[in-house]
């Protein structure tokens, strides 16, 4: 199992709208690619919230091939939608993890 983690710092003035958009638009769009079997959307606690609120979405892929398919065929378009919608009001980073248990 592979976990594609996207952590995002969201400015206070938009974070409620951003969460709603994530739940209603972006996460469903990512899941519609059928590259991931499930996801979880969380708020990151015990972080410095001086500049905003931090959230993470973890998308679970059954194989590295499915993750690679997402990156190769879907990621650029979906990332562009995020930038077009929110611009510099958010800052994110991505990481890939593998479950080892």
Protein backbone atom coordinates (compact mmCIF):
# COMPACT_ATOMS: atom_id res chain seq x y z
CA UNK A 1 0.00 0.00 0.00
CA UNK A 2 1.27 3.45 -0.93
CA UNK A 3 0.10 6.73 0.59
CA UNK A 4 0.26 9.91 -1.44
CA UNK A 5 0.23 12.68 1.17
CA UNK A 6 -0.55 16.29 0.28
CA UNK A 7 -0.02 18.77 3.11
CA UNK A 8 -1.29 22.31 2.60
CA UNK A 9 -0.97 25.53 4.59
CA UNK A 10 -4.10 27.59 3.92
CA UNK A 11 -4.49 31.28 4.74
CA UNK A 12 -7.09 31.97 7.43
CA UNK A 13 -9.28 34.19 5.27
CA UNK A 14 -10.06 31.35 2.83
CA UNK A 15 -9.66 28.17 4.84
CA UNK A 16 -13.41 27.49 5.31
CA UNK A 17 -14.06 27.93 1.59
CA UNK A 18 -11.00 25.85 0.74
CA UNK A 19 -12.12 22.96 2.98
CA UNK A 20 -15.57 23.01 1.38
CA UNK A 21 -14.02 23.03 -2.10
CA UNK A 22 -11.71 20.16 -1.18
CA UNK A 23 -14.62 18.08 0.13
CA UNK A 24 -17.03 18.85 -2.70
CA UNK A 25 -14.73 19.23 -5.71
CA UNK A 26 -11.05 18.39 -5.50
CA UNK A 27 -11.02 15.18 -3.45
CA UNK A 28 -13.90 13.70 -5.50
CA UNK A 29 -11.99 14.62 -8.68
CA UNK A 30 -8.86 12.86 -7.42
CA UNK A 31 -10.83 9.80 -6.36
CA UNK A 32 -12.60 9.71 -9.75
CA UNK A 33 -9.24 8.91 -11.36
CA UNK A 34 -9.62 5.43 -9.80
CA UNK A 35 -5.95 5.45 -8.86
CA UNK A 36 -6.70 5.47 -5.13
CA UNK A 37 -8.88 3.13 -3.09
CA UNK A 38 -9.58 5.50 -0.18
CA UNK A 39 -8.50 8.78 1.39
CA UNK A 40 -8.51 10.65 4.66
CA UNK A 41 -8.66 14.42 5.09
CA UNK A 42 -7.26 15.81 8.33
CA UNK A 43 -6.36 19.06 10.01
CA UNK A 44 -2.79 19.04 11.28
CA UNK A 45 -2.64 19.97 14.96
CA UNK A 46 0.17 21.32 17.11
CA UNK A 47 1.65 23.39 14.30
CA UNK A 48 2.48 27.06 14.11
CA UNK A 49 -0.74 28.66 12.85
CA UNK A 50 0.69 32.17 12.55
CA UNK A 51 0.25 32.17 8.78
CA UNK A 52 -2.75 29.87 8.45
CA UNK A 53 -4.20 26.44 9.05
CA UNK A 54 -2.50 23.23 7.92
CA UNK A 55 -4.40 20.30 6.43
CA UNK A 56 -3.32 17.00 4.92
CA UNK A 57 -5.02 14.61 2.54
CA UNK A 58 -3.77 11.07 2.34
CA UNK A 59 -4.72 9.10 -0.75
CA UNK A 60 -4.19 5.32 -0.58
CA UNK A 61 -2.99 3.47 -3.69
CA UNK A 62 -2.96 -0.30 -3.82
CA UNK A 63 0.23 -0.29 -5.93
CA UNK A 64 3.06 1.96 -7.05
CA UNK A 65 1.77 1.50 -10.62
CA UNK A 66 -1.56 3.12 -9.67
CA UNK A 67 0.24 6.02 -8.02
CA UNK A 68 2.45 6.39 -11.10
CA UNK A 69 -0.64 6.38 -13.33
CA UNK A 70 -2.08 9.23 -11.26
CA UNK A 71 1.15 11.25 -11.52
CA UNK A 72 1.55 10.62 -15.25
CA UNK A 73 -2.04 11.11 -16.39
CA UNK A 74 -3.90 13.24 -13.84
CA UNK A 75 -1.67 15.17 -11.43
CA UNK A 76 -0.72 18.08 -13.70
CA UNK A 77 -4.32 18.92 -14.58
CA UNK A 78 -5.57 18.68 -11.01
CA UNK A 79 -2.63 20.71 -9.66
CA UNK A 80 -3.30 23.41 -12.24
CA UNK A 81 -6.92 23.63 -11.06
CA UNK A 82 -5.69 24.19 -7.49
CA UNK A 83 -3.30 26.97 -8.56
CA UNK A 84 -5.93 28.60 -10.79
CA UNK A 85 -8.48 28.58 -7.97
CA UNK A 86 -6.33 29.49 -4.95
CA UNK A 87 -3.08 30.96 -6.25
CA UNK A 88 -0.64 31.98 -3.55
CA UNK A 89 -3.23 31.76 -0.77
CA UNK A 90 -2.06 28.19 -0.15
CA UNK A 91 1.32 26.49 0.05
CA UNK A 92 1.58 22.75 -0.27
CA UNK A 93 4.01 19.91 -0.44
CA UNK A 94 3.63 16.31 -1.46
CA UNK A 95 5.22 13.09 -0.29
CA UNK A 96 4.89 9.42 -1.11
CA UNK A 97 4.96 6.88 1.68
CA UNK A 98 4.86 3.10 1.73
CA UNK A 99 3.08 1.13 4.45
CA UNK A 100 5.56 -1.28 6.03
CA UNK A 101 3.52 -3.23 8.57
